[in-house]
Protein backbone atom coordinates (compact mmCIF):
# COMPACT_ATOMS: atom_id res chain seq x y z
CA MET A 1 130.28 84.99 108.35
CA GLN A 2 132.44 87.38 106.34
CA LYS A 3 131.55 85.58 103.11
CA ILE A 4 127.80 85.76 103.88
CA GLY A 5 128.10 89.45 104.68
CA LEU A 6 129.83 90.17 101.37
CA GLN A 7 127.17 88.21 99.48
CA LEU A 8 124.40 90.20 101.18
CA ILE A 9 126.05 93.53 100.36
CA PHE A 10 126.45 92.46 96.73
CA MET A 11 122.79 91.45 96.56
CA VAL A 12 121.65 94.80 97.92
CA ILE A 13 123.81 96.67 95.40
CA ILE A 14 122.51 94.79 92.39
CA PHE A 15 118.93 95.11 93.65
CA MET A 16 119.37 98.87 93.55
CA VAL A 17 119.99 98.79 89.82
CA ALA A 18 117.63 95.95 88.97
CA CYS A 19 114.52 96.26 86.83
CA THR A 20 114.98 99.92 85.98
CA HIS A 21 112.23 101.12 83.66
CA GLU A 22 112.29 104.08 81.36
CA PRO A 23 109.97 106.97 82.28
CA SER A 24 106.47 106.42 81.01
CA GLU A 25 105.61 108.14 77.75
CA THR A 26 101.93 108.23 76.88
CA VAL A 27 101.03 107.40 73.30
CA GLU A 28 98.63 110.01 71.95
CA PRO A 29 95.49 108.16 70.83
CA GLY A 30 94.19 108.85 67.36
CA PRO A 31 90.60 109.31 66.24
CA GLY A 32 90.13 105.60 65.69
CA ASP A 33 91.68 104.46 68.95
CA ASN A 34 89.71 102.98 71.82
CA ASN A 35 88.37 105.49 74.31
CA GLY A 36 88.93 108.38 71.87
CA GLY A 37 91.63 109.79 74.11
CA ASP A 38 89.43 109.69 77.20
CA SER A 39 91.19 108.26 80.24
CA GLY A 40 88.09 106.30 81.25
CA ASP A 41 86.26 106.21 84.56
CA THR A 42 88.77 107.47 87.11
CA THR A 43 86.42 106.95 90.04
CA GLN A 44 88.01 106.04 93.35
CA VAL A 45 85.61 104.43 95.80
CA ALA A 46 86.04 104.13 99.55
CA GLY A 47 85.48 100.40 99.81
CA CYS A 48 86.67 97.61 97.53
CA ASP A 49 83.88 95.47 96.08
CA PRO A 50 85.13 91.86 96.07
CA ASP A 51 83.29 91.25 92.79
CA THR A 52 84.94 94.19 91.01
CA VAL A 53 88.43 94.20 89.48
CA TYR A 54 90.09 97.61 89.86
CA PHE A 55 92.63 98.85 87.35
CA LYS A 56 94.97 100.71 89.70
CA ASN A 57 94.75 98.13 92.48
CA ASP A 58 94.83 94.91 90.48
CA ILE A 59 95.59 95.27 86.76
CA LEU A 60 98.26 97.97 86.62
CA PRO A 61 100.63 96.31 89.14
CA LEU A 62 100.27 92.98 87.36
CA LEU A 63 101.00 94.35 83.89
CA GLN A 64 103.82 96.62 85.05
CA SER A 65 105.53 93.74 86.83
CA SER A 66 104.94 91.02 84.23
CA CYS A 67 104.93 92.90 80.93
CA GLY A 68 105.86 96.59 81.21
CA THR A 69 109.49 95.86 81.96
CA MET A 70 112.78 96.95 80.44
CA GLY A 71 113.44 95.06 77.22
CA CYS A 72 109.78 94.27 76.74
CA HIS A 73 106.86 96.70 76.98
CA ASP A 74 108.10 99.66 79.00
CA ALA A 75 108.10 103.11 77.36
CA GLY A 76 111.77 102.91 76.46
CA THR A 77 111.57 99.54 74.69
CA ALA A 78 107.95 99.45 73.47
CA THR A 79 108.34 96.14 71.65
CA GLU A 80 106.06 96.12 68.58
CA GLY A 81 104.83 99.55 69.65
CA ILE A 82 103.16 98.17 72.77
CA ILE A 83 103.54 99.98 76.12
CA LEU A 84 101.95 98.45 79.21
CA THR A 85 102.87 100.87 81.99
CA ASP A 86 99.84 103.22 82.14
CA TYR A 87 96.12 103.20 81.43
CA GLU A 88 95.96 104.96 78.06
CA ASN A 89 98.78 102.92 76.57
CA ILE A 90 97.38 99.66 77.90
CA ILE A 91 93.99 100.44 76.36
CA ASN A 92 95.31 101.68 73.02
CA THR A 93 98.51 99.76 72.31
CA GLY A 94 97.16 96.62 73.99
CA ASP A 95 94.03 96.85 71.81
CA VAL A 96 91.66 96.42 74.75
CA GLU A 97 88.00 96.18 73.75
CA PRO A 98 85.91 97.16 76.80
CA PHE A 99 83.26 94.58 77.72
CA ASP A 100 84.79 92.05 75.29
CA ALA A 101 87.87 90.20 76.56
CA GLU A 102 87.77 87.66 73.72
CA SER A 103 88.25 90.46 71.15
CA SER A 104 91.08 92.13 73.07
CA ASP A 105 94.63 91.50 71.84
CA ILE A 106 96.08 91.68 75.34
CA TYR A 107 93.81 88.84 76.49
CA GLU A 108 94.63 86.79 73.40
CA VAL A 109 98.38 86.87 74.02
CA ILE A 110 98.21 86.02 77.74
CA THR A 111 96.05 82.97 76.94
CA GLU A 112 98.10 81.88 73.90
CA THR A 113 99.21 78.23 74.10
CA ASP A 114 101.95 78.66 71.49
CA THR A 115 105.00 79.70 73.50
CA ASP A 116 106.34 81.63 70.51
CA LYS A 117 103.32 83.94 70.74
CA ARG A 118 102.57 83.83 74.47
CA MET A 119 103.06 86.82 76.72
CA PRO A 120 105.00 87.04 78.93
CA PRO A 121 107.38 85.08 76.67
CA PRO A 122 109.67 82.29 77.88
CA PRO A 123 111.75 82.02 79.98
CA ASN A 124 109.28 84.19 81.94
CA ASN A 125 106.50 82.28 83.62
CA PRO A 126 103.04 82.64 82.07
CA LEU A 127 100.34 84.42 84.04
CA SER A 128 98.46 82.15 86.42
CA GLN A 129 94.88 81.19 85.64
CA GLU A 130 93.77 83.43 88.50
CA GLN A 131 95.62 86.39 86.98
CA ILE A 132 94.23 85.66 83.50
CA THR A 133 90.70 85.51 84.91
CA MET A 134 91.29 88.83 86.67
CA VAL A 135 92.34 90.52 83.41
CA ALA A 136 89.32 89.07 81.60
CA THR A 137 86.96 90.21 84.34
CA TRP A 138 88.40 93.73 84.29
CA ILE A 139 87.91 93.97 80.52
CA ASN A 140 84.40 92.49 80.64
CA GLN A 141 83.47 94.98 83.36
CA GLY A 142 84.33 97.81 80.97
CA ALA A 143 88.11 98.12 81.32
CA LEU A 144 87.66 101.14 83.57
CA ASN A 145 90.44 103.34 84.97
CA ASN A 146 89.13 102.79 88.47
CA SER A 147 90.50 102.20 91.95
CA CYS A 148 89.34 101.63 95.49
CA GLU A 149 90.51 102.22 99.03
CA SER A 150 89.94 99.48 101.55
CA ASP A 151 90.59 99.56 105.27
CA CYS A 152 94.26 98.78 105.72
CA ASP A 153 94.44 96.74 108.90
CA THR A 154 98.03 95.98 109.86
CA THR A 155 97.38 94.86 113.42
CA ASP A 156 97.93 91.20 112.56
CA VAL A 157 100.16 90.97 109.48
CA THR A 158 101.01 87.43 108.41
CA TYR A 159 103.49 86.46 105.74
CA ALA A 160 101.28 83.86 104.05
CA SER A 161 98.09 85.88 103.69
CA MET A 162 99.33 89.48 103.41
CA VAL A 163 103.06 89.76 102.66
CA ALA A 164 103.56 87.00 100.08
CA PRO A 165 100.79 88.37 97.79
CA VAL A 166 102.56 91.76 97.67
CA PHE A 167 105.75 90.14 96.40
CA GLU A 168 103.82 87.98 93.95
CA ASN A 169 101.75 90.82 92.50
CA PHE A 170 104.37 93.57 92.43
CA CYS A 171 107.83 91.95 92.29
CA LEU A 172 107.93 88.56 90.60
CA GLY A 173 107.55 89.92 87.08
CA CYS A 174 111.10 91.26 87.42
CA HIS A 175 112.55 89.01 90.08
CA ASP A 176 111.47 85.42 89.51
CA GLN A 177 114.04 82.71 88.85
CA ALA A 178 113.63 82.91 85.08
CA THR A 179 113.99 86.68 84.82
CA ALA A 180 116.19 87.54 87.82
CA ASN A 181 116.70 91.16 86.79
CA GLY A 182 119.93 92.43 88.30
CA GLY A 183 120.59 88.92 89.58
CA VAL A 184 117.92 89.35 92.26
CA VAL A 185 115.41 86.55 92.83
CA LEU A 186 112.48 87.02 95.22
CA GLU A 187 110.56 83.77 94.87
CA THR A 188 111.05 82.21 98.30
CA TYR A 189 110.46 83.30 101.85
CA ASP A 190 114.19 83.12 102.65
CA GLN A 191 115.08 85.40 99.74
CA ARG A 192 112.46 87.95 100.78
CA ALA A 193 113.34 87.81 104.47
CA THR A 194 117.02 88.35 103.67
CA LEU A 195 116.11 91.52 101.80
CA ALA A 196 113.86 92.66 104.65
CA ASN A 197 116.41 92.06 107.38
CA SER A 198 119.19 93.80 105.43
CA GLY A 199 117.27 97.10 105.39
CA ALA A 200 117.14 97.08 101.59
CA LEU A 201 113.42 96.27 101.43
CA HIS A 202 112.54 99.30 103.55
CA GLY A 203 114.77 101.44 101.34
CA VAL A 204 113.35 100.38 97.98
CA ILE A 205 109.66 100.52 98.90
CA ASN A 206 110.15 104.08 100.17
CA GLY A 207 112.89 105.23 97.81
CA THR A 208 115.01 106.36 100.77
CA ASN A 209 118.56 105.94 102.11
CA GLY A 210 119.99 106.01 98.61
CA TYR A 211 117.76 103.23 97.26
CA PRO A 212 115.74 103.64 94.06
CA LEU A 213 111.97 103.41 94.39
CA MET A 214 110.57 99.97 93.62
CA PRO A 215 108.47 99.14 91.69
CA PRO A 216 110.11 101.84 89.57
CA SER A 217 107.07 103.23 87.74
CA ASN A 218 104.85 104.27 90.65
CA GLY A 219 106.05 102.48 93.75
CA LEU A 220 103.71 100.47 95.95
CA PRO A 221 100.27 101.61 97.16
CA GLU A 222 100.24 102.97 100.71
CA CYS A 223 98.55 99.91 102.20
CA GLU A 224 101.08 97.49 100.71
CA ILE A 225 103.90 99.65 102.05
CA ALA A 226 102.30 99.60 105.50
CA ILE A 227 101.99 95.82 105.36
CA LEU A 228 105.65 95.34 104.46
CA GLU A 229 106.80 97.88 107.05
CA LYS A 230 104.89 96.03 109.78
CA TRP A 231 106.32 92.70 108.64
CA ILE A 232 109.85 94.16 108.66
CA SER A 233 109.40 95.65 112.12
CA ASP A 234 108.12 92.29 113.40
CA GLY A 235 111.36 90.65 112.26
CA ALA A 236 110.06 89.30 108.91
CA PRO A 237 108.49 86.14 110.40
CA ASN A 238 107.35 83.20 108.28
CA ASN A 239 103.86 83.09 109.76
């Protein structure tokens, strides 16, 4: 028991310093850049259209977690001048061509079959086909800086349908087995439940009790926080 307790404390400590990103620094777009410096359609709609891909809800969390990380494409590293942590930089440094995914550099690298050119690079896992399709759809719909607010029903939170997708979309880019930033891996239910039951998950998603805010760039959306809080309060069940 004492050994397990020490291991848990060590895990919580290293999680607190894991996956720290540099503050975002927007690249000033030039006259020839996409969007001409405009930040795009910033419309926020009340309901989420299932046929629409929303930048702030779907694309930004994916790119921040999988690509805009320390040592890769955060503002502090900016490998090859590419920053993938905010809308303007994603559009301009990722060479996104609205309405034309095939001509967009960011789409080309996530679909690259040559592992020397693919992003995210090995040993990171490539994006899933579902995630690639989502990026393509967003670009082909105009690559808008849009978002939506759906009803956040937390009356019946289940791990499989509601909690696991939060970890997969917001955490695995930094904390899968291949990357394991800070030595923290959050691939399995047991790993996630351990973090929840230790109190560390509550701390990092709220940035309270001495824990740094995670994800570090903007934190989680309110609904995702509510989902995790309900799961934690229910005892982190595997349901």
